[in-house]
Amino acid sequence: MTAQLDFDFPAYTRDSRGKYLRLLCEDDLIRAALAAAERRFASDAPFESLHVAADFLQLHFADLDREVFAAIFLDSCHRVIVYEEMFRGTIDGCSVHPREVVKRALKTGSALAVPSAA
């Protein structure tokens, strides 16, 4: 279960000297969260649980306007090899071809694939 955030205060961005520059909108916050997630998972830090994978995917799916099937391919130590949006659909559906997911998993040499759809 993920917590829903409700900001009762404005969020601002600051420059390198600490001076406040501008008010952040929700899209800016989502982009900042995605960048932080990318940095976190670009390192060799493994996924410690499915909750970490769910948070990662929730950030990636936050601003999509159509159905997407994606997979996170992990090595044997549960570190991210690659995150890939494999299939895109319409507003209410997406066709997925399992053999293509398996082929991609074999090509990346992954030990584990975390499939998801949004």
Protein backbone atom coordinates (compact mmCIF):
# COMPACT_ATOMS: atom_id res chain seq x y z
CA MET A 1 0.00 0.00 0.00
CA THR A 2 1.42 3.39 -0.93
CA ALA A 3 0.74 6.58 0.93
CA GLN A 4 -1.01 9.38 -0.86
CA LEU A 5 0.79 12.67 -0.53
CA ASP A 6 -1.13 15.85 0.07
CA PHE A 7 0.98 18.98 0.09
CA ASP A 8 -0.42 21.74 2.29
CA PHE A 9 2.65 23.83 1.60
CA PRO A 10 4.24 25.04 -1.63
CA ALA A 11 7.35 23.27 -2.91
CA TYR A 12 10.17 25.45 -4.21
CA THR A 13 13.39 24.76 -6.04
CA ARG A 14 16.71 26.31 -4.97
CA ASP A 15 19.95 27.11 -6.74
CA SER A 16 23.41 25.97 -5.59
CA ARG A 17 23.65 28.93 -3.18
CA GLY A 18 20.35 28.05 -1.53
CA LYS A 19 18.35 30.92 -3.06
CA TYR A 20 14.72 30.01 -3.79
CA LEU A 21 14.00 30.24 -7.49
CA ARG A 22 10.44 29.24 -8.26
CA LEU A 23 7.40 27.30 -7.17
CA LEU A 24 7.33 23.68 -8.34
CA CYS A 25 4.25 22.23 -10.00
CA GLU A 26 3.19 18.57 -9.71
CA ASP A 27 4.87 17.72 -13.03
CA ASP A 28 8.16 19.14 -11.73
CA LEU A 29 7.87 17.02 -8.60
CA ILE A 30 7.18 13.89 -10.65
CA ARG A 31 10.19 14.61 -12.90
CA ALA A 32 12.39 15.16 -9.83
CA ALA A 33 11.15 11.90 -8.29
CA LEU A 34 11.83 10.04 -11.55
CA ALA A 35 15.34 11.47 -11.72
CA ALA A 36 15.97 10.42 -8.11
CA ALA A 37 14.65 6.92 -8.86
CA GLU A 38 16.86 6.67 -11.95
CA ARG A 39 19.92 7.67 -9.89
CA ARG A 40 18.97 5.20 -7.18
CA PHE A 41 18.56 2.30 -9.58
CA ALA A 42 21.45 3.27 -11.86
CA SER A 43 23.74 2.36 -9.00
CA ASP A 44 24.34 -1.26 -8.10
CA ALA A 45 21.76 -1.18 -5.31
CA PRO A 46 19.58 -4.31 -5.54
CA PHE A 47 15.81 -4.39 -5.25
CA GLU A 48 15.33 -5.49 -1.66
CA SER A 49 11.62 -6.23 -2.01
CA LEU A 50 8.70 -6.05 -4.41
CA HIS A 51 7.69 -2.80 -2.68
CA VAL A 52 10.82 -1.15 -4.08
CA ALA A 53 9.91 -2.41 -7.56
CA ALA A 54 6.33 -1.17 -7.11
CA ASP A 55 7.56 2.31 -6.12
CA PHE A 56 9.92 2.36 -9.10
CA LEU A 57 7.11 1.40 -11.50
CA GLN A 58 4.60 3.78 -9.94
CA LEU A 59 6.95 6.68 -10.66
CA HIS A 60 7.46 5.54 -14.26
CA PHE A 61 3.73 5.09 -14.84
CA ALA A 62 2.70 8.37 -13.16
CA ASP A 63 2.34 10.50 -16.28
CA LEU A 64 1.30 7.93 -18.91
CA ASP A 65 -1.79 8.65 -20.97
CA ARG A 66 -2.26 5.12 -22.35
CA GLU A 67 -1.84 1.49 -21.38
CA VAL A 68 1.76 0.28 -21.22
CA PHE A 69 3.30 -3.10 -20.51
CA ALA A 70 6.78 -2.79 -19.05
CA ALA A 71 9.34 -5.07 -17.47
CA ILE A 72 12.28 -4.60 -15.17
CA PHE A 73 15.02 -7.09 -15.99
CA LEU A 74 17.21 -7.97 -13.00
CA ASP A 75 20.45 -9.90 -12.58
CA SER A 76 20.93 -12.72 -10.06
CA CYS A 77 21.68 -10.18 -7.30
CA HIS A 78 18.40 -8.34 -8.09
CA ARG A 79 20.15 -5.30 -9.56
CA VAL A 80 18.50 -3.54 -12.49
CA ILE A 81 19.91 -4.48 -15.88
CA VAL A 82 17.30 -2.51 -17.81
CA TYR A 83 13.79 -1.11 -17.46
CA GLU A 84 11.90 -1.32 -20.70
CA GLU A 85 8.43 -0.26 -21.85
CA MET A 86 7.84 -3.13 -24.23
CA PHE A 87 4.29 -2.62 -25.52
CA ARG A 88 2.02 0.41 -25.80
CA GLY A 89 -1.69 0.29 -26.26
CA THR A 90 -4.73 2.51 -26.33
CA ILE A 91 -6.40 4.28 -23.45
CA ASP A 92 -8.06 1.04 -22.30
CA GLY A 93 -5.93 -1.88 -23.44
CA CYS A 94 -2.55 -3.23 -24.51
CA SER A 95 -1.63 -6.37 -26.45
CA VAL A 96 1.28 -8.28 -24.93
CA HIS A 97 3.24 -11.02 -26.70
CA PRO A 98 4.84 -13.27 -24.03
CA ARG A 99 7.41 -14.72 -26.45
CA GLU A 100 8.81 -11.20 -26.98
CA VAL A 101 9.20 -10.74 -23.22
CA VAL A 102 11.03 -14.08 -22.98
CA LYS A 103 13.25 -13.21 -25.95
CA ARG A 104 14.18 -9.88 -24.34
CA ALA A 105 14.91 -11.55 -21.00
CA LEU A 106 17.25 -14.01 -22.75
CA LYS A 107 18.93 -11.26 -24.73
CA THR A 108 19.64 -9.19 -21.59
CA GLY A 109 20.87 -12.24 -19.68
CA SER A 110 18.52 -11.44 -16.83
CA ALA A 111 17.84 -13.88 -14.02
CA LEU A 112 14.49 -12.30 -13.18
CA ALA A 113 11.89 -10.17 -14.94
CA VAL A 114 9.32 -8.07 -13.09
CA PRO A 115 6.43 -7.57 -15.52
CA SER A 116 3.87 -4.83 -15.01
CA ALA A 117 1.09 -3.03 -16.79
CA ALA A 118 -0.53 0.33 -16.27
